[in-house]
Amino acid sequence: MKRLGFLTAALLSMTAFGAELTRVASSFEEKDPFGMFLDFTFEHTADRGTITREWYQNGGLQDVTELRYQKYESKMGIDVSLGIYKDLEIHVGVPIIFAQDRKWFFAGGTDETNSTINRNCPADAAGNGCDPAVAIAGTSSNQLFQVPNSSSRSGLGDFTFGIAWNPFVQKKDPSKPTWTLRFDYTAPTAAVLNPSVYTSNSNRGAVGEKVHKYTFTTAVSKRINQYVEPYFQLSYTLPWRAPGFYSNCDDASGGRLSYPGNCGANWTRDDTGIKPAHTGGTVFGAEITVFEREDRHQRVAFDFRGWFNYVSEGRYYNEMSDLFGKLLYSSDYGQVGAQFGFVGQAADFIKLRAYTSFAYNTEHFLTNENIGKDLTGNGVVDVTSHPEEINPNYDFRADRVGRRFRIEQQYVFRIQVTATFNF
């Protein structure tokens, strides 16, 4: 399944136990010539946040609360990990997204009479003027988008292919920790997501970004006594746009873009298309074993985990893309999270894992597009004399300082259950 780099797969088949984070399927062992794991994972995520906006009022720049944001996602992951040699595996992951539903509605104390969403000067993306009286009163003619609103997506996600290797395995050499090196390639197999197309529960949109993702991971775990096995992991994901990636200029219109006429000349698809974020993170935690019968392959353990992830700035499908009908430029942010899990194994051939996690995303801008680029060489972007320098993605209503949207108080709750079959 699609991951930020801190979820791994496949246990060393000759070894009944060890931290889940450093598991690797193994074959051609002395008493176990073949190792394979088949994981079925169901995951449900609830993502909630508050969307605010910069706004000049009462003689100064203030942050006003506008919307509540909710996202609910249910998906199934099917992962196959095959040991191809001693402590060396290849693996494939297939995500099936049953539902990815988003909702937006006014926050408490905000409605259509006082929301800035209905009071915009300029009145269009290109920065054209409007009647101040109309803007103050708040009418549908100056409305950025409709509230309440919703979107619905589902489908087969991007496949992941990878390889993992354990240079050291504590089970074989107690003097060393278990060390895992892992490389994952997420292929752009899902149908491309088009934010300009209306979606509903009966007309669900696609989920693919058409981005190659290369994830490099290293993890270490060591059982220090009969009960405790701490672990640590570092990961980094390098994105690379694939053929067929989406550009806002693919569906150019004056209602969505400031200067759609700039598309294609000085502003290529590379300039206006998706700019996926780079991500990196660290995971730390420990498994606490409370019951173990190694001769019967029985074990009960609890997993306590924390993490920090960094997401760089970029233009991609974010929490307001469906409202504006386009990819939006987000600023960078961090995510901190904690997870509690249960691991139960009653026999050699089956294992059950259940996790619940809570994460917090630091506040960041959701509309932060660059206004343009200097084409004349005078050192500035001249929006008046040289409008061809204006970035067609730029929206004077939402990307200008004093009008930008930001998400705050964003919390992500997740429940995950995995059944692993050991062959």
Protein backbone atom coordinates (compact mmCIF):
# COMPACT_ATOMS: atom_id res chain seq x y z
CA MET A 1 0.00 0.00 0.00
CA LYS A 2 0.92 3.63 -0.45
CA ARG A 3 3.06 4.60 2.58
CA LEU A 4 5.22 7.52 3.83
CA GLY A 5 8.11 5.05 4.33
CA PHE A 6 7.62 3.89 7.91
CA LEU A 7 5.54 0.71 7.22
CA THR A 8 7.44 -2.47 6.22
CA ALA A 9 6.54 -6.02 5.33
CA ALA A 10 7.54 -9.66 5.64
CA LEU A 11 9.03 -11.55 8.54
CA LEU A 12 12.15 -13.66 8.37
CA SER A 13 10.50 -17.02 7.79
CA MET A 14 12.95 -19.15 9.72
CA THR A 15 12.57 -16.82 12.68
CA ALA A 16 9.30 -16.88 14.52
CA PHE A 17 9.87 -13.57 16.23
CA GLY A 18 11.49 -10.17 15.82
CA ALA A 19 10.38 -6.55 15.45
CA GLU A 20 7.82 -6.05 12.72
CA LEU A 21 9.80 -3.10 11.36
CA THR A 22 12.80 -5.27 10.46
CA ARG A 23 11.06 -8.37 9.13
CA VAL A 24 12.36 -9.86 5.89
CA ALA A 25 11.26 -13.11 4.24
CA SER A 26 14.04 -15.65 3.83
CA SER A 27 14.54 -18.77 1.72
CA PHE A 28 17.21 -21.47 1.28
CA GLU A 29 17.68 -21.78 5.02
CA GLU A 30 18.87 -25.08 6.49
CA LYS A 31 15.46 -26.16 7.82
CA ASP A 32 13.29 -23.77 5.88
CA PRO A 33 14.02 -23.71 2.13
CA PHE A 34 11.11 -21.42 1.20
CA GLY A 35 9.71 -18.28 2.82
CA MET A 36 6.78 -16.13 1.76
CA PHE A 37 4.31 -13.85 3.47
CA LEU A 38 0.88 -12.79 2.28
CA ASP A 39 -0.54 -9.75 4.08
CA PHE A 40 -4.14 -8.52 3.93
CA THR A 41 -4.47 -5.10 5.55
CA PHE A 42 -7.64 -3.12 6.14
CA GLU A 43 -7.12 0.52 7.05
CA HIS A 44 -9.55 3.28 7.95
CA THR A 45 -8.40 6.89 8.31
CA ALA A 46 -10.19 9.97 9.62
CA ASP A 47 -8.51 13.31 8.85
CA ARG A 48 -9.95 16.52 10.30
CA GLY A 49 -8.78 20.10 10.31
CA THR A 50 -9.71 23.77 10.42
CA ILE A 51 -9.19 25.99 7.37
CA THR A 52 -8.44 29.64 8.06
CA ARG A 53 -7.74 32.59 5.78
CA GLU A 54 -5.61 35.71 5.94
CA TRP A 55 -7.87 38.76 5.76
CA TYR A 56 -7.46 42.51 6.19
CA GLN A 57 -10.09 43.80 8.58
CA ASN A 58 -10.37 46.12 11.56
CA GLY A 59 -7.23 47.92 10.41
CA GLY A 60 -4.91 44.91 10.23
CA LEU A 61 -4.17 41.46 8.86
CA GLN A 62 -5.99 38.73 10.76
CA ASP A 63 -6.53 34.99 10.47
CA VAL A 64 -10.23 34.28 10.22
CA THR A 65 -11.72 30.84 10.69
CA GLU A 66 -13.64 29.68 7.62
CA LEU A 67 -14.17 25.95 7.19
CA ARG A 68 -14.08 22.57 8.83
CA TYR A 69 -12.44 19.89 6.75
CA GLN A 70 -13.07 16.14 7.02
CA LYS A 71 -11.67 13.22 5.09
CA TYR A 72 -12.59 9.57 5.55
CA GLU A 73 -10.75 6.83 3.71
CA SER A 74 -11.16 3.06 3.74
CA LYS A 75 -8.79 0.81 1.82
CA MET A 76 -7.44 -2.69 1.55
CA GLY A 77 -3.81 -3.57 0.92
CA ILE A 78 -2.62 -6.87 -0.46
CA ASP A 79 1.12 -7.39 0.00
CA VAL A 80 3.18 -10.37 -1.11
CA SER A 81 6.73 -10.80 0.23
CA LEU A 82 8.82 -13.59 -1.28
CA GLY A 83 12.18 -14.72 0.03
CA ILE A 84 14.53 -15.16 -2.91
CA TYR A 85 17.61 -16.02 -0.84
CA LYS A 86 18.85 -15.91 2.72
CA ASP A 87 17.50 -12.76 4.38
CA LEU A 88 16.64 -11.27 0.99
CA GLU A 89 13.12 -10.64 -0.28
CA ILE A 90 11.19 -9.04 -3.10
CA HIS A 91 7.72 -7.72 -2.46
CA VAL A 92 4.69 -6.31 -4.24
CA GLY A 93 1.91 -4.19 -2.75
CA VAL A 94 -1.52 -3.56 -4.27
CA PRO A 95 -3.84 -0.95 -2.65
CA ILE A 96 -7.58 -0.95 -3.25
CA ILE A 97 -9.24 2.28 -2.15
CA PHE A 98 -12.88 1.59 -1.39
CA ALA A 99 -13.77 5.17 -0.49
CA GLN A 100 -11.95 8.48 -0.13
CA ASP A 101 -14.57 11.04 0.86
CA ARG A 102 -14.01 14.69 1.72
CA LYS A 103 -16.41 17.23 3.19
CA TRP A 104 -16.21 20.97 3.80
CA PHE A 105 -18.65 23.05 5.84
CA PHE A 106 -18.62 26.36 7.65
CA ALA A 107 -16.84 26.45 10.99
CA GLY A 108 -18.70 27.48 14.12
CA GLY A 109 -19.48 31.21 14.12
CA THR A 110 -19.07 31.44 10.33
CA ASP A 111 -21.84 31.38 7.74
CA GLU A 112 -22.64 32.80 4.31
CA THR A 113 -23.29 36.26 5.78
CA ASN A 114 -19.83 36.80 7.29
CA SER A 115 -17.57 34.36 5.45
CA THR A 116 -14.81 35.88 3.32
CA ILE A 117 -15.49 33.16 0.74
CA ASN A 118 -18.48 35.26 -0.39
CA ARG A 119 -16.67 38.62 -0.16
CA ASN A 120 -13.82 38.72 -2.65
CA CYS A 121 -12.13 41.69 -4.26
CA PRO A 122 -10.77 40.98 -6.82
CA ALA A 123 -13.73 39.02 -8.07
CA ASP A 124 -11.90 36.60 -10.37
CA ALA A 125 -8.63 34.67 -10.53
CA ALA A 126 -7.04 37.23 -12.88
CA GLY A 127 -7.34 40.03 -10.33
CA ASN A 128 -10.11 42.00 -12.02
CA GLY A 129 -11.96 44.47 -9.81
CA CYS A 130 -15.35 44.21 -8.25
CA ASP A 131 -17.95 46.37 -6.57
CA PRO A 132 -16.76 46.91 -2.97
CA ALA A 133 -20.35 47.22 -1.80
CA VAL A 134 -21.12 43.80 -3.21
CA ALA A 135 -18.00 42.36 -1.64
CA ILE A 136 -18.88 43.77 1.77
CA ALA A 137 -22.42 42.47 1.60
CA GLY A 138 -21.34 39.03 0.45
CA THR A 139 -23.14 37.56 -2.57
CA SER A 140 -22.91 34.48 -4.74
CA SER A 141 -21.45 36.57 -7.57
CA ASN A 142 -18.22 36.90 -5.59
CA GLN A 143 -18.28 33.38 -4.15
CA LEU A 144 -15.04 31.41 -4.45
CA PHE A 145 -16.79 28.07 -4.15
CA GLN A 146 -19.94 26.55 -2.74
CA VAL A 147 -20.21 25.67 0.94
CA PRO A 148 -21.06 23.04 2.13
CA ASN A 149 -19.25 20.88 -0.41
CA SER A 150 -17.98 17.33 -0.84
CA SER A 151 -15.97 15.05 -3.11
CA SER A 152 -15.73 11.28 -3.52
CA ARG A 153 -12.92 9.17 -4.96
CA SER A 154 -12.02 5.49 -5.09
CA GLY A 155 -10.24 2.92 -7.21
CA LEU A 156 -7.14 0.84 -7.58
CA GLY A 157 -4.12 2.73 -6.24
CA ASP A 158 -0.47 2.79 -7.29
CA PHE A 159 1.35 -0.56 -7.10
CA THR A 160 4.55 -0.81 -5.06
CA PHE A 161 7.48 -3.07 -5.94
CA GLY A 162 10.49 -3.46 -3.72
CA ILE A 163 13.40 -5.37 -2.30
CA ALA A 164 14.59 -5.76 1.30
CA TRP A 165 17.73 -7.27 2.79
CA ASN A 166 18.93 -7.99 6.29
CA PRO A 167 22.75 -7.75 6.41
CA PHE A 168 22.58 -8.75 10.09
CA VAL A 169 19.99 -10.86 11.90
CA GLN A 170 20.09 -11.03 15.68
CA LYS A 171 18.54 -14.50 15.64
CA LYS A 172 21.60 -15.79 13.79
CA ASP A 173 24.20 -13.67 15.57
CA PRO A 174 23.09 -12.44 19.04
CA SER A 175 26.01 -10.00 19.16
CA LYS A 176 24.48 -7.90 16.38
CA PRO A 177 21.13 -6.15 15.93
CA THR A 178 18.78 -6.94 13.09
CA TRP A 179 19.46 -4.41 10.34
CA THR A 180 17.20 -3.91 7.32
CA LEU A 181 17.92 -2.10 4.07
CA ARG A 182 14.89 -1.53 1.89
CA PHE A 183 14.10 0.02 -1.47
CA ASP A 184 10.53 0.54 -2.71
CA TYR A 185 9.36 1.78 -6.07
CA THR A 186 5.77 3.02 -6.31
CA ALA A 187 4.69 2.92 -9.94
CA PRO A 188 2.10 5.38 -11.35
CA THR A 189 -0.41 2.63 -12.19
CA ALA A 190 -3.59 4.34 -10.94
CA ALA A 191 -5.80 6.41 -13.22
CA VAL A 192 -4.84 10.09 -13.12
CA LEU A 193 -6.71 12.35 -10.73
CA ASN A 194 -8.37 15.37 -12.38
CA PRO A 195 -9.45 17.91 -9.72
CA SER A 196 -11.45 19.95 -12.26
CA VAL A 197 -13.98 17.13 -12.73
CA TYR A 198 -16.95 17.05 -10.36
CA THR A 199 -17.19 13.91 -8.23
CA SER A 200 -19.96 12.42 -6.12
CA ASN A 201 -20.80 9.19 -4.35
CA SER A 202 -22.32 7.86 -7.57
CA ASN A 203 -19.61 9.34 -9.83
CA ARG A 204 -16.33 8.76 -8.04
CA GLY A 205 -13.07 10.24 -9.29
CA ALA A 206 -9.67 8.60 -9.74
CA VAL A 207 -6.84 8.73 -7.18
CA GLY A 208 -3.58 8.55 -9.18
CA GLU A 209 -0.92 11.29 -9.24
CA LYS A 210 1.15 9.83 -12.12
CA VAL A 211 4.30 10.18 -10.07
CA HIS A 212 7.15 7.70 -9.70
CA LYS A 213 8.17 7.38 -6.04
CA TYR A 214 11.50 5.92 -4.90
CA THR A 215 11.69 5.19 -1.17
CA PHE A 216 14.95 4.40 0.60
CA THR A 217 14.70 2.95 4.11
CA THR A 218 17.05 1.66 6.77
CA ALA A 219 15.89 0.20 10.08
CA VAL A 220 17.53 -1.41 13.11
CA SER A 221 16.03 -3.45 15.94
CA LYS A 222 17.60 -5.37 18.82
CA ARG A 223 16.03 -7.50 21.47
CA ILE A 224 17.74 -6.42 24.66
CA ASN A 225 16.07 -8.93 26.99
CA GLN A 226 13.23 -11.43 27.10
CA TYR A 227 10.58 -8.73 26.80
CA VAL A 228 11.83 -5.54 25.11
CA GLU A 229 12.93 -4.97 21.50
CA PRO A 230 13.50 -1.30 20.58
CA TYR A 231 13.79 -0.19 16.96
CA PHE A 232 14.63 2.84 14.88
CA GLN A 233 14.11 3.72 11.21
CA LEU A 234 15.00 6.45 8.72
CA SER A 235 13.37 6.87 5.30
CA TYR A 236 13.27 9.25 2.35
CA THR A 237 10.98 9.30 -0.69
CA LEU A 238 12.15 10.87 -3.96
CA PRO A 239 9.25 11.71 -6.34
CA TRP A 240 9.58 11.99 -10.12
CA ARG A 241 6.82 12.97 -12.50
CA ALA A 242 5.70 10.28 -14.92
CA PRO A 243 4.28 10.70 -18.44
CA GLY A 244 0.63 11.64 -18.26
CA PHE A 245 0.94 13.74 -15.09
CA TYR A 246 -1.78 16.32 -14.57
CA SER A 247 -1.30 20.03 -15.25
CA ASN A 248 -3.82 22.72 -14.38
CA CYS A 249 -3.39 23.98 -17.94
CA ASP A 250 -4.88 20.71 -19.19
CA ASP A 251 -8.25 22.15 -18.18
CA ALA A 252 -7.58 25.86 -18.58
CA SER A 253 -10.42 28.24 -17.84
CA GLY A 254 -10.71 31.79 -16.63
CA GLY A 255 -12.68 30.68 -13.60
CA ARG A 256 -9.82 28.52 -12.36
CA LEU A 257 -6.64 30.12 -13.73
CA SER A 258 -5.56 33.74 -13.71
CA TYR A 259 -4.18 33.87 -17.28
CA PRO A 260 -5.07 30.65 -19.12
CA GLY A 261 -3.69 32.22 -22.30
CA ASN A 262 -0.19 31.97 -20.80
CA CYS A 263 -0.41 28.17 -20.88
CA GLY A 264 1.84 26.56 -23.46
CA ALA A 265 4.08 29.45 -24.46
CA ASN A 266 6.37 30.64 -21.71
CA TRP A 267 4.62 28.31 -19.26
CA THR A 268 5.06 24.67 -20.23
CA ARG A 269 3.37 21.64 -18.68
CA ASP A 270 6.51 21.17 -16.61
CA ASP A 271 5.98 24.67 -15.20
CA THR A 272 2.26 24.32 -14.52
CA GLY A 273 1.94 20.62 -13.68
CA ILE A 274 2.15 18.70 -10.48
CA LYS A 275 5.25 19.30 -8.35
CA PRO A 276 5.16 16.39 -5.91
CA ALA A 277 6.50 16.84 -2.42
CA HIS A 278 9.65 15.18 -1.11
CA THR A 279 9.08 13.32 2.15
CA GLY A 280 11.38 12.00 4.83
CA GLY A 281 10.95 10.72 8.32
CA THR A 282 12.07 8.81 11.33
CA VAL A 283 10.32 6.10 13.35
CA PHE A 284 11.24 4.99 16.86
CA GLY A 285 9.63 2.60 19.28
CA ALA A 286 9.71 -0.78 20.93
CA GLU A 287 7.88 -4.08 20.96
CA ILE A 288 7.03 -5.43 24.42
CA THR A 289 6.55 -9.19 24.45
CA VAL A 290 4.18 -10.36 27.20
CA PHE A 291 3.86 -14.02 26.18
CA GLU A 292 6.05 -16.26 24.06
CA ARG A 293 6.28 -19.97 23.25
CA GLU A 294 8.94 -20.13 20.55
CA ASP A 295 8.69 -23.91 20.13
CA ARG A 296 4.99 -23.52 19.25
CA HIS A 297 5.38 -20.27 17.30
CA GLN A 298 3.10 -18.47 19.75
CA ARG A 299 3.55 -14.89 20.81
CA VAL A 300 1.67 -11.87 22.15
CA ALA A 301 3.31 -8.45 22.03
CA PHE A 302 2.46 -4.78 22.20
CA ASP A 303 4.01 -2.20 19.90
CA PHE A 304 4.58 1.40 21.01
CA ARG A 305 5.75 3.72 18.25
CA GLY A 306 6.35 7.38 17.53
CA TRP A 307 7.38 9.17 14.37
CA PHE A 308 8.16 12.46 12.72
CA ASN A 309 7.73 13.09 8.99
CA TYR A 310 8.68 16.12 6.92
CA VAL A 311 6.75 17.02 3.76
CA SER A 312 8.31 19.62 1.45
CA GLU A 313 6.44 22.35 -0.37
CA GLY A 314 4.93 21.49 -3.72
CA ARG A 315 1.97 21.72 -6.06
CA TYR A 316 -0.28 18.73 -5.69
CA TYR A 317 -3.76 17.57 -4.77
CA ASN A 318 -4.33 18.98 -1.29
CA GLU A 319 -7.19 19.59 1.14
CA MET A 320 -8.77 22.35 -1.00
CA SER A 321 -8.03 21.17 -4.55
CA ASP A 322 -11.55 19.92 -5.17
CA LEU A 323 -12.98 23.29 -4.08
CA PHE A 324 -10.81 25.25 -6.52
CA GLY A 325 -10.85 22.54 -9.21
CA LYS A 326 -7.07 22.48 -9.57
CA LEU A 327 -3.78 21.43 -8.02
CA LEU A 328 -2.69 23.90 -5.35
CA TYR A 329 0.73 24.93 -4.07
CA SER A 330 1.18 23.93 -0.43
CA SER A 331 3.91 25.10 1.93
CA ASP A 332 6.02 22.55 3.78
CA TYR A 333 4.95 21.03 7.07
CA GLY A 334 5.80 18.38 9.65
CA GLN A 335 3.82 15.50 11.06
CA VAL A 336 4.28 14.02 14.51
CA GLY A 337 2.48 10.86 15.50
CA ALA A 338 2.14 8.00 17.92
CA GLN A 339 0.91 4.47 17.44
CA PHE A 340 -0.15 1.62 19.69
CA GLY A 341 -0.35 -1.89 18.34
CA PHE A 342 -1.06 -5.49 19.19
CA VAL A 343 0.70 -8.47 17.64
CA GLY A 344 -0.69 -11.96 18.15
CA GLN A 345 0.58 -15.23 16.71
CA ALA A 346 -1.08 -18.54 17.57
CA ALA A 347 0.68 -20.73 14.99
CA ASP A 348 3.52 -20.64 12.50
CA PHE A 349 1.28 -19.98 9.50
CA ILE A 350 -0.84 -17.03 10.68
CA LYS A 351 -0.34 -13.78 12.53
CA LEU A 352 -2.72 -10.94 13.39
CA ARG A 353 -1.74 -7.32 13.94
CA ALA A 354 -3.92 -4.41 14.98
CA TYR A 355 -2.80 -0.78 15.25
CA THR A 356 -4.36 2.51 16.15
CA SER A 357 -2.51 5.79 15.62
CA PHE A 358 -2.89 9.51 16.11
CA ALA A 359 -0.95 12.20 14.22
CA TYR A 360 -0.83 15.98 14.09
CA ASN A 361 0.13 18.00 11.02
CA THR A 362 1.67 21.41 11.67
CA GLU A 363 -0.19 24.33 10.12
CA HIS A 364 0.67 25.21 6.55
CA PHE A 365 -0.63 27.19 3.59
CA LEU A 366 -2.86 25.47 1.05
CA THR A 367 -2.82 28.32 -1.49
CA ASN A 368 0.72 29.62 -1.84
CA GLU A 369 1.43 29.75 -5.59
CA ASN A 370 4.31 31.86 -6.93
CA ILE A 371 3.01 34.87 -8.86
CA GLY A 372 5.26 34.38 -11.89
CA LYS A 373 8.75 34.54 -13.36
CA ASP A 374 10.91 37.26 -14.86
CA LEU A 375 10.92 36.84 -18.66
CA THR A 376 12.30 40.26 -19.62
CA GLY A 377 15.41 40.18 -17.43
CA ASN A 378 14.62 43.31 -15.42
CA GLY A 379 14.68 41.45 -12.13
CA VAL A 380 10.97 41.71 -11.30
CA VAL A 381 7.69 40.09 -12.32
CA ASP A 382 5.80 42.90 -14.02
CA VAL A 383 2.13 41.93 -13.84
CA THR A 384 0.96 45.17 -15.47
CA SER A 385 3.26 45.73 -18.45
CA HIS A 386 4.11 42.08 -19.05
CA PRO A 387 1.14 39.89 -18.04
CA GLU A 388 2.79 36.98 -19.87
CA GLU A 389 5.08 36.74 -16.84
CA ILE A 390 2.14 35.80 -14.58
CA ASN A 391 1.95 32.18 -13.55
CA PRO A 392 -1.35 30.88 -14.99
CA ASN A 393 -1.83 28.85 -11.80
CA TYR A 394 -1.73 31.99 -9.69
CA ASP A 395 -5.09 33.05 -8.25
CA PHE A 396 -5.23 36.69 -7.14
CA ARG A 397 -8.14 35.83 -4.84
CA ALA A 398 -6.38 33.10 -2.85
CA ASP A 399 -2.60 33.11 -3.48
CA ARG A 400 -1.97 36.78 -2.72
CA VAL A 401 -0.56 37.60 0.72
CA GLY A 402 -3.53 38.68 2.81
CA ARG A 403 -5.90 36.28 1.02
CA ARG A 404 -4.18 32.88 1.43
CA PHE A 405 -5.85 29.83 2.95
CA ARG A 406 -4.16 27.73 5.60
CA ILE A 407 -5.02 24.49 7.40
CA GLU A 408 -4.62 24.32 11.15
CA GLN A 409 -5.45 21.92 13.99
CA GLN A 410 -5.20 18.99 11.60
CA TYR A 411 -5.46 15.61 13.28
CA VAL A 412 -5.25 12.22 11.61
CA PHE A 413 -6.71 9.10 13.27
CA ARG A 414 -6.04 5.66 11.82
CA ILE A 415 -7.08 2.07 12.54
CA GLN A 416 -5.27 -0.77 10.79
CA VAL A 417 -5.75 -4.54 10.99
CA THR A 418 -3.46 -7.01 9.19
CA ALA A 419 -3.70 -10.76 8.74
CA THR A 420 -0.41 -12.36 7.70
CA PHE A 421 -0.19 -15.84 6.25
CA ASN A 422 3.21 -17.50 6.41
CA PHE A 423 4.17 -20.06 3.76
